[in-house]
Amino acid sequence: MDEPRPFTEPEEQDSGFPCGPQQIVDMGSTTIKTERGTIHTLTIVGQIEGHQLLPPTVKTTKYEHVMPLLAALEESAEVDGLLVLLNTVGGDIEAGLGIAELIASMTKPTVSLVLGGGHSIGVPLAVSAKRSFIAPSAAMTIHPVRLNGLVIGVPQTFNYFERIQERITQFVTSNSAVDRETFIRLMLQTGELAADVGSVIYGEEAVGIGLIDEIGGLSSALACLHGMMDRAREEREAREKEAE
């Protein structure tokens, strides 16, 4: 009978990819380094998880992971730009809006790409980048604020709903070319959704109303981001020369 061989840790092998697979598993993000610069790719998928934990069977994006990551990217001297890939059904309003505010306030080049869907609170996330793209087949759902659980039927509750909707409307119209009247009309439209109030718009329509900047896919989004990074690098070099 052969003696059992001692266990040894397997040697790490270079997969040939510019990112570690564990980074994708843990954070849903990856850093891509090329000769043209370093891009961090952040995926926002499934449901945006806020203050309450969702069931383990639900695919989620956790805001407590994304927020410090965005702060680190803004301060990092190694990262030149951020690409946000969106395929989300929405989720927690305050968590999603908080992430959107962080992306919108970044000074580094940022580009978003809606793939599949950017629904509900995914709309502010999509427009938060400096340039936004949407795949032709992707959809975006615009609807009023909804809350689950106990709702107290008093005027203060409806006033609270209106104030939240105003925050979302103001953010979207400030970070895109869609006008306020069009966005509110789509939000309050009846007859399109079977059991809800609101609208579903697709790629070309989202661009047509000014909600999203361009129709495109991954190559278009990356080309735009590289162009923004090149301009930012040229401006930085010009400032350095002036300071000398």
C-alpha atoms as a PDB file:
ATOM      1  CA  MET A   1       0.000   0.000   0.000  1.00  0.00           C
ATOM      2  CA  ASP A   2       1.431   3.360  -1.028  1.00  0.00           C
ATOM      3  CA  GLU A   3       2.120   5.909   1.683  1.00  0.00           C
ATOM      4  CA  PRO A   4       0.018   9.085   1.470  1.00  0.00           C
ATOM      5  CA  ARG A   5       1.878  11.981  -0.046  1.00  0.00           C
ATOM      6  CA  PRO A   6       2.113  15.179   2.029  1.00  0.00           C
ATOM      7  CA  PHE A   7      -0.160  18.018   0.988  1.00  0.00           C
ATOM      8  CA  THR A   8       1.551  20.951  -0.662  1.00  0.00           C
ATOM      9  CA  GLU A   9       0.068  24.248  -1.764  1.00  0.00           C
ATOM     10  CA  PRO A  10      -0.303  24.405  -5.553  1.00  0.00           C
ATOM     11  CA  GLU A  11       1.930  26.910  -7.252  1.00  0.00           C
ATOM     12  CA  GLU A  12       0.222  30.009  -8.564  1.00  0.00           C
ATOM     13  CA  GLN A  13       0.208  30.188 -12.324  1.00  0.00           C
ATOM     14  CA  ASP A  14      -0.089  33.218 -14.484  1.00  0.00           C
ATOM     15  CA  SER A  15      -3.467  33.011 -16.216  1.00  0.00           C
ATOM     16  CA  GLY A  16      -2.416  35.527 -18.839  1.00  0.00           C
ATOM     17  CA  PHE A  17      -5.215  37.903 -17.878  1.00  0.00           C
ATOM     18  CA  PRO A  18      -4.466  41.450 -16.678  1.00  0.00           C
ATOM     19  CA  CYS A  19      -6.516  40.910 -13.506  1.00  0.00           C
ATOM     20  CA  GLY A  20      -6.770  38.414 -10.709  1.00  0.00           C
ATOM     21  CA  PRO A  21      -9.827  36.132 -10.734  1.00  0.00           C
ATOM     22  CA  GLN A  22     -10.256  36.524  -6.964  1.00  0.00           C
ATOM     23  CA  GLN A  23     -10.729  40.272  -7.398  1.00  0.00           C
ATOM     24  CA  ILE A  24     -13.693  39.610  -9.690  1.00  0.00           C
ATOM     25  CA  VAL A  25     -15.212  37.037  -7.315  1.00  0.00           C
ATOM     26  CA  ASP A  26     -14.857  39.205  -4.205  1.00  0.00           C
ATOM     27  CA  MET A  27     -15.641  42.683  -5.494  1.00  0.00           C
ATOM     28  CA  GLY A  28     -17.226  42.303  -8.932  1.00  0.00           C
ATOM     29  CA  SER A  29     -14.512  44.559 -10.286  1.00  0.00           C
ATOM     30  CA  THR A  30     -11.204  44.344 -12.059  1.00  0.00           C
ATOM     31  CA  THR A  31      -8.269  46.580 -12.940  1.00  0.00           C
ATOM     32  CA  ILE A  32      -7.000  46.461 -16.514  1.00  0.00           C
ATOM     33  CA  LYS A  33      -3.494  47.756 -17.233  1.00  0.00           C
ATOM     34  CA  THR A  34      -2.440  48.531 -20.800  1.00  0.00           C
ATOM     35  CA  GLU A  35       0.049  50.810 -22.530  1.00  0.00           C
ATOM     36  CA  ARG A  36      -2.670  53.457 -22.855  1.00  0.00           C
ATOM     37  CA  GLY A  37      -3.388  53.570 -19.122  1.00  0.00           C
ATOM     38  CA  THR A  38      -5.096  51.770 -16.257  1.00  0.00           C
ATOM     39  CA  ILE A  39      -8.867  51.312 -16.218  1.00  0.00           C
ATOM     40  CA  HIS A  40     -10.854  50.017 -13.265  1.00  0.00           C
ATOM     41  CA  THR A  41     -14.017  48.188 -14.316  1.00  0.00           C
ATOM     42  CA  LEU A  42     -16.846  48.141 -11.775  1.00  0.00           C
ATOM     43  CA  THR A  43     -19.918  45.942 -12.295  1.00  0.00           C
ATOM     44  CA  ILE A  44     -23.233  46.927 -10.732  1.00  0.00           C
ATOM     45  CA  VAL A  45     -25.516  43.941 -11.201  1.00  0.00           C
ATOM     46  CA  GLY A  46     -28.618  42.372  -9.703  1.00  0.00           C
ATOM     47  CA  GLN A  47     -30.236  44.324  -6.893  1.00  0.00           C
ATOM     48  CA  ILE A  48     -28.620  47.228  -5.039  1.00  0.00           C
ATOM     49  CA  GLU A  49     -28.431  46.115  -1.419  1.00  0.00           C
ATOM     50  CA  GLY A  50     -28.896  48.853   1.156  1.00  0.00           C
ATOM     51  CA  HIS A  51     -29.318  48.865   4.916  1.00  0.00           C
ATOM     52  CA  GLN A  52     -31.082  45.473   5.007  1.00  0.00           C
ATOM     53  CA  LEU A  53     -29.558  42.164   3.924  1.00  0.00           C
ATOM     54  CA  LEU A  54     -31.245  40.444   1.004  1.00  0.00           C
ATOM     55  CA  PRO A  55     -31.681  36.641   0.775  1.00  0.00           C
ATOM     56  CA  PRO A  56     -28.565  34.723  -0.316  1.00  0.00           C
ATOM     57  CA  THR A  57     -30.413  33.549  -3.451  1.00  0.00           C
ATOM     58  CA  VAL A  58     -30.608  37.161  -4.740  1.00  0.00           C
ATOM     59  CA  LYS A  59     -27.754  38.536  -6.832  1.00  0.00           C
ATOM     60  CA  THR A  60     -26.761  41.829  -5.162  1.00  0.00           C
ATOM     61  CA  THR A  61     -24.364  44.753  -5.310  1.00  0.00           C
ATOM     62  CA  LYS A  62     -23.455  45.821  -1.795  1.00  0.00           C
ATOM     63  CA  TYR A  63     -23.102  49.566  -1.272  1.00  0.00           C
ATOM     64  CA  GLU A  64     -20.672  49.136   1.630  1.00  0.00           C
ATOM     65  CA  HIS A  65     -18.265  47.525  -0.845  1.00  0.00           C
ATOM     66  CA  VAL A  66     -18.719  50.009  -3.676  1.00  0.00           C
ATOM     67  CA  MET A  67     -18.516  53.284  -1.733  1.00  0.00           C
ATOM     68  CA  PRO A  68     -15.033  52.850  -0.205  1.00  0.00           C
ATOM     69  CA  LEU A  69     -13.836  51.374  -3.495  1.00  0.00           C
ATOM     70  CA  LEU A  70     -14.861  54.533  -5.367  1.00  0.00           C
ATOM     71  CA  ALA A  71     -13.102  56.705  -2.791  1.00  0.00           C
ATOM     72  CA  ALA A  72      -9.938  54.617  -3.180  1.00  0.00           C
ATOM     73  CA  LEU A  73     -10.098  54.871  -6.978  1.00  0.00           C
ATOM     74  CA  GLU A  74     -10.418  58.648  -6.838  1.00  0.00           C
ATOM     75  CA  GLU A  75      -7.303  58.897  -4.664  1.00  0.00           C
ATOM     76  CA  SER A  76      -5.269  56.245  -6.490  1.00  0.00           C
ATOM     77  CA  ALA A  77      -2.386  57.512  -8.593  1.00  0.00           C
ATOM     78  CA  GLU A  78      -2.327  54.222 -10.511  1.00  0.00           C
ATOM     79  CA  VAL A  79      -5.893  54.308 -11.889  1.00  0.00           C
ATOM     80  CA  ASP A  80      -6.583  56.601 -14.845  1.00  0.00           C
ATOM     81  CA  GLY A  81     -10.288  55.953 -15.503  1.00  0.00           C
ATOM     82  CA  LEU A  82     -13.428  54.120 -14.385  1.00  0.00           C
ATOM     83  CA  LEU A  83     -15.749  51.982 -16.525  1.00  0.00           C
ATOM     84  CA  VAL A  84     -19.108  51.132 -14.897  1.00  0.00           C
ATOM     85  CA  LEU A  85     -20.979  48.136 -16.335  1.00  0.00           C
ATOM     86  CA  LEU A  86     -24.668  48.179 -15.391  1.00  0.00           C
ATOM     87  CA  ASN A  87     -27.200  45.366 -15.458  1.00  0.00           C
ATOM     88  CA  THR A  88     -29.417  46.024 -12.463  1.00  0.00           C
ATOM     89  CA  VAL A  89     -33.093  45.730 -11.552  1.00  0.00           C
ATOM     90  CA  GLY A  90     -32.763  48.593  -9.055  1.00  0.00           C
ATOM     91  CA  GLY A  91     -32.972  48.268  -5.302  1.00  0.00           C
ATOM     92  CA  ASP A  92     -32.387  50.465  -2.257  1.00  0.00           C
ATOM     93  CA  ILE A  93     -32.980  54.104  -3.201  1.00  0.00           C
ATOM     94  CA  GLU A  94     -30.580  55.756  -0.776  1.00  0.00           C
ATOM     95  CA  ALA A  95     -27.793  53.242  -1.422  1.00  0.00           C
ATOM     96  CA  GLY A  96     -28.129  53.554  -5.198  1.00  0.00           C
ATOM     97  CA  LEU A  97     -28.364  57.327  -5.105  1.00  0.00           C
ATOM     98  CA  GLY A  98     -25.359  57.485  -2.776  1.00  0.00           C
ATOM     99  CA  ILE A  99     -23.245  55.439  -5.200  1.00  0.00           C
ATOM    100  CA  ALA A 100     -24.444  57.621  -8.087  1.00  0.00           C
ATOM    101  CA  GLU A 101     -23.474  60.801  -6.223  1.00  0.00           C
ATOM    102  CA  LEU A 102     -19.970  59.433  -5.616  1.00  0.00           C
ATOM    103  CA  ILE A 103     -19.448  58.545  -9.282  1.00  0.00           C
ATOM    104  CA  ALA A 104     -20.789  61.935 -10.404  1.00  0.00           C
ATOM    105  CA  SER A 105     -18.395  63.769  -8.073  1.00  0.00           C
ATOM    106  CA  MET A 106     -15.247  61.937  -9.237  1.00  0.00           C
ATOM    107  CA  THR A 107     -12.661  64.020 -11.074  1.00  0.00           C
ATOM    108  CA  LYS A 108     -11.246  61.078 -13.019  1.00  0.00           C
ATOM    109  CA  PRO A 109     -12.712  60.083 -16.411  1.00  0.00           C
ATOM    110  CA  THR A 110     -15.815  57.910 -15.964  1.00  0.00           C
ATOM    111  CA  VAL A 111     -17.939  56.064 -18.526  1.00  0.00           C
ATOM    112  CA  SER A 112     -21.053  53.942 -17.912  1.00  0.00           C
ATOM    113  CA  LEU A 113     -22.461  51.194 -20.116  1.00  0.00           C
ATOM    114  CA  VAL A 114     -25.993  49.837 -19.656  1.00  0.00           C
ATOM    115  CA  LEU A 115     -26.179  46.166 -20.648  1.00  0.00           C
ATOM    116  CA  GLY A 116     -29.401  44.213 -20.296  1.00  0.00           C
ATOM    117  CA  GLY A 117     -31.095  46.678 -17.999  1.00  0.00           C
ATOM    118  CA  GLY A 118     -30.621  49.788 -15.901  1.00  0.00           C
ATOM    119  CA  HIS A 119     -33.948  49.862 -14.110  1.00  0.00           C
ATOM    120  CA  SER A 120     -35.350  51.999 -11.295  1.00  0.00           C
ATOM    121  CA  ILE A 121     -32.465  53.422  -9.219  1.00  0.00           C
ATOM    122  CA  GLY A 122     -30.212  52.109 -11.996  1.00  0.00           C
ATOM    123  CA  VAL A 123     -31.261  55.170 -14.020  1.00  0.00           C
ATOM    124  CA  PRO A 124     -29.351  57.645 -11.787  1.00  0.00           C
ATOM    125  CA  LEU A 125     -26.421  55.223 -11.728  1.00  0.00           C
ATOM    126  CA  ALA A 126     -26.358  55.131 -15.534  1.00  0.00           C
ATOM    127  CA  VAL A 127     -26.272  58.929 -15.918  1.00  0.00           C
ATOM    128  CA  SER A 128     -23.794  59.514 -13.076  1.00  0.00           C
ATOM    129  CA  ALA A 129     -20.744  58.970 -15.301  1.00  0.00           C
ATOM    130  CA  LYS A 130     -19.315  61.770 -17.416  1.00  0.00           C
ATOM    131  CA  ARG A 131     -20.321  59.847 -20.550  1.00  0.00           C
ATOM    132  CA  SER A 132     -23.002  57.166 -20.780  1.00  0.00           C
ATOM    133  CA  PHE A 133     -23.615  54.378 -23.301  1.00  0.00           C
ATOM    134  CA  ILE A 134     -26.441  51.878 -23.715  1.00  0.00           C
ATOM    135  CA  ALA A 135     -26.633  48.676 -25.737  1.00  0.00           C
ATOM    136  CA  PRO A 136     -29.381  48.723 -28.401  1.00  0.00           C
ATOM    137  CA  SER A 137     -31.238  45.854 -26.695  1.00  0.00           C
ATOM    138  CA  ALA A 138     -30.912  47.221 -23.147  1.00  0.00           C
ATOM    139  CA  ALA A 139     -33.955  48.525 -21.266  1.00  0.00           C
ATOM    140  CA  MET A 140     -34.487  51.161 -18.565  1.00  0.00           C
ATOM    141  CA  THR A 141     -37.570  51.342 -16.322  1.00  0.00           C
ATOM    142  CA  ILE A 142     -38.608  54.750 -15.009  1.00  0.00           C
ATOM    143  CA  HIS A 143     -41.262  54.705 -12.287  1.00  0.00           C
ATOM    144  CA  PRO A 144     -42.274  56.525  -9.082  1.00  0.00           C
ATOM    145  CA  VAL A 145     -40.810  55.681  -5.683  1.00  0.00           C
ATOM    146  CA  ARG A 146     -42.144  52.468  -4.139  1.00  0.00           C
ATOM    147  CA  LEU A 147     -41.762  51.177  -0.593  1.00  0.00           C
ATOM    148  CA  ASN A 148     -42.333  47.682   0.790  1.00  0.00           C
ATOM    149  CA  GLY A 149     -43.712  46.870   4.219  1.00  0.00           C
ATOM    150  CA  LEU A 150     -45.735  49.048   6.573  1.00  0.00           C
ATOM    151  CA  VAL A 151     -46.848  52.368   5.104  1.00  0.00           C
ATOM    152  CA  ILE A 152     -48.658  54.861   7.333  1.00  0.00           C
ATOM    153  CA  GLY A 153     -51.487  56.515   5.420  1.00  0.00           C
ATOM    154  CA  VAL A 154     -50.913  60.107   6.459  1.00  0.00           C
ATOM    155  CA  PRO A 155     -50.028  63.237   4.428  1.00  0.00           C
ATOM    156  CA  GLN A 156     -46.467  63.184   5.773  1.00  0.00           C
ATOM    157  CA  THR A 157     -45.852  59.807   4.085  1.00  0.00           C
ATOM    158  CA  PHE A 158     -46.879  61.082   0.665  1.00  0.00           C
ATOM    159  CA  ASN A 159     -44.844  64.246   1.190  1.00  0.00           C
ATOM    160  CA  TYR A 160     -41.831  62.044   1.951  1.00  0.00           C
ATOM    161  CA  PHE A 161     -42.411  60.123  -1.290  1.00  0.00           C
ATOM    162  CA  GLU A 162     -42.538  63.359  -3.254  1.00  0.00           C
ATOM    163  CA  ARG A 163     -39.304  64.618  -1.721  1.00  0.00           C
ATOM    164  CA  ILE A 164     -37.480  61.376  -2.607  1.00  0.00           C
ATOM    165  CA  GLN A 165     -38.811  61.538  -6.171  1.00  0.00           C
ATOM    166  CA  GLU A 166     -37.653  65.142  -6.432  1.00  0.00           C
ATOM    167  CA  ARG A 167     -34.133  64.157  -5.357  1.00  0.00           C
ATOM    168  CA  ILE A 168     -34.002  61.483  -8.057  1.00  0.00           C
ATOM    169  CA  THR A 169     -35.506  63.750 -10.716  1.00  0.00           C
ATOM    170  CA  GLN A 170     -33.091  66.564  -9.930  1.00  0.00           C
ATOM    171  CA  PHE A 171     -30.077  64.238 -10.049  1.00  0.00           C
ATOM    172  CA  VAL A 172     -31.078  62.648 -13.370  1.00  0.00           C
ATOM    173  CA  THR A 173     -31.878  65.937 -15.105  1.00  0.00           C
ATOM    174  CA  SER A 174     -28.674  67.535 -13.780  1.00  0.00           C
ATOM    175  CA  ASN A 175     -26.469  64.696 -15.039  1.00  0.00           C
ATOM    176  CA  SER A 176     -28.099  64.066 -18.420  1.00  0.00           C
ATOM    177  CA  ALA A 177     -29.706  65.978 -21.281  1.00  0.00           C
ATOM    178  CA  VAL A 178     -33.277  64.800 -20.583  1.00  0.00           C
ATOM    179  CA  ASP A 179     -35.643  67.629 -19.679  1.00  0.00           C
ATOM    180  CA  ARG A 180     -37.646  67.572 -16.465  1.00  0.00           C
ATOM    181  CA  GLU A 181     -41.081  67.436 -18.131  1.00  0.00           C
ATOM    182  CA  THR A 182     -40.179  64.401 -20.250  1.00  0.00           C
ATOM    183  CA  PHE A 183     -38.708  62.504 -17.314  1.00  0.00           C
ATOM    184  CA  ILE A 184     -41.718  63.163 -15.069  1.00  0.00           C
ATOM    185  CA  ARG A 185     -44.116  62.203 -17.874  1.00  0.00           C
ATOM    186  CA  LEU A 186     -42.338  58.873 -18.323  1.00  0.00           C
ATOM    187  CA  MET A 187     -42.278  58.335 -14.567  1.00  0.00           C
ATOM    188  CA  LEU A 188     -46.033  58.876 -14.115  1.00  0.00           C
ATOM    189  CA  GLN A 189     -47.247  57.299 -17.350  1.00  0.00           C
ATOM    190  CA  THR A 190     -50.125  54.837 -17.019  1.00  0.00           C
ATOM    191  CA  GLY A 191     -51.168  51.975 -19.246  1.00  0.00           C
ATOM    192  CA  GLU A 192     -47.703  50.703 -20.189  1.00  0.00           C
ATOM    193  CA  LEU A 193     -46.763  48.613 -17.162  1.00  0.00           C
ATOM    194  CA  ALA A 194     -49.328  45.940 -16.288  1.00  0.00           C
ATOM    195  CA  ALA A 195     -49.222  46.346 -12.513  1.00  0.00           C
ATOM    196  CA  ASP A 196     -47.392  49.626 -12.031  1.00  0.00           C
ATOM    197  CA  VAL A 197     -47.072  53.254 -13.087  1.00  0.00           C
ATOM    198  CA  GLY A 198     -44.132  54.238 -15.257  1.00  0.00           C
ATOM    199  CA  SER A 199     -42.387  53.489 -18.548  1.00  0.00           C
ATOM    200  CA  VAL A 200     -39.878  51.102 -20.076  1.00  0.00           C
ATOM    201  CA  ILE A 201     -37.586  52.624 -22.692  1.00  0.00           C
ATOM    202  CA  TYR A 202     -34.942  50.937 -24.824  1.00  0.00           C
ATOM    203  CA  GLY A 203     -31.572  51.927 -26.249  1.00  0.00           C
ATOM    204  CA  GLU A 204     -32.462  54.266 -29.103  1.00  0.00           C
ATOM    205  CA  GLU A 205     -35.336  55.897 -27.197  1.00  0.00           C
ATOM    206  CA  ALA A 206     -33.111  56.521 -24.161  1.00  0.00           C
ATOM    207  CA  VAL A 207     -30.626  58.321 -26.412  1.00  0.00           C
ATOM    208  CA  GLY A 208     -33.395  60.126 -28.292  1.00  0.00           C
ATOM    209  CA  ILE A 209     -34.769  61.803 -25.165  1.00  0.00           C
ATOM    210  CA  GLY A 210     -31.281  62.701 -23.911  1.00  0.00           C
ATOM    211  CA  LEU A 211     -31.252  60.332 -20.940  1.00  0.00           C
ATOM    212  CA  ILE A 212     -28.209  58.420 -22.273  1.00  0.00           C
ATOM    213  CA  ASP A 213     -25.493  59.960 -24.435  1.00  0.00           C
ATOM    214  CA  GLU A 214     -24.809  57.267 -27.024  1.00  0.00           C
ATOM    215  CA  ILE A 215     -25.758  53.857 -28.379  1.00  0.00           C
ATOM    216  CA  GLY A 216     -22.805  51.508 -28.158  1.00  0.00           C
ATOM    217  CA  GLY A 217     -21.144  48.484 -26.672  1.00  0.00           C
ATOM    218  CA  LEU A 218     -17.924  47.667 -24.897  1.00  0.00           C
ATOM    219  CA  SER A 219     -15.572  48.820 -27.657  1.00  0.00           C
ATOM    220  CA  SER A 220     -17.355  52.185 -27.946  1.00  0.00           C
ATOM    221  CA  ALA A 221     -17.310  52.744 -24.192  1.00  0.00           C
ATOM    222  CA  LEU A 222     -13.619  51.852 -23.923  1.00  0.00           C
ATOM    223  CA  ALA A 223     -12.684  54.048 -26.890  1.00  0.00           C
ATOM    224  CA  CYS A 224     -14.498  56.981 -25.282  1.00  0.00           C
ATOM    225  CA  LEU A 225     -12.838  56.358 -21.924  1.00  0.00           C
ATOM    226  CA  HIS A 226      -9.368  56.130 -23.489  1.00  0.00           C
ATOM    227  CA  GLY A 227      -9.991  59.437 -25.275  1.00  0.00           C
ATOM    228  CA  MET A 228     -11.007  61.091 -22.007  1.00  0.00           C
ATOM    229  CA  MET A 229      -7.936  59.652 -20.298  1.00  0.00           C
ATOM    230  CA  ASP A 230      -5.660  60.950 -23.066  1.00  0.00           C
ATOM    231  CA  ARG A 231      -7.115  64.462 -22.751  1.00  0.00           C
ATOM    232  CA  ALA A 232      -6.800  64.381 -18.967  1.00  0.00           C
ATOM    233  CA  ARG A 233      -3.157  63.314 -19.297  1.00  0.00           C
ATOM    234  CA  GLU A 234      -2.428  66.126 -21.775  1.00  0.00           C
ATOM    235  CA  GLU A 235      -4.038  68.703 -19.481  1.00  0.00           C
ATOM    236  CA  ARG A 236      -2.050  67.409 -16.501  1.00  0.00           C
ATOM    237  CA  GLU A 237       1.218  67.582 -18.436  1.00  0.00           C
ATOM    238  CA  ALA A 238       0.415  71.121 -19.599  1.00  0.00           C
ATOM    239  CA  ARG A 239      -0.199  72.234 -16.008  1.00  0.00           C
ATOM    240  CA  GLU A 240       3.070  70.671 -14.898  1.00  0.00           C
ATOM    241  CA  LYS A 241       4.977  72.536 -17.617  1.00  0.00           C
ATOM    242  CA  GLU A 242       3.385  75.840 -16.605  1.00  0.00           C
ATOM    243  CA  ALA A 243       4.337  75.228 -12.988  1.00  0.00           C
ATOM    244  CA  GLU A 244       8.014  74.684 -13.837  1.00  0.00           C
END
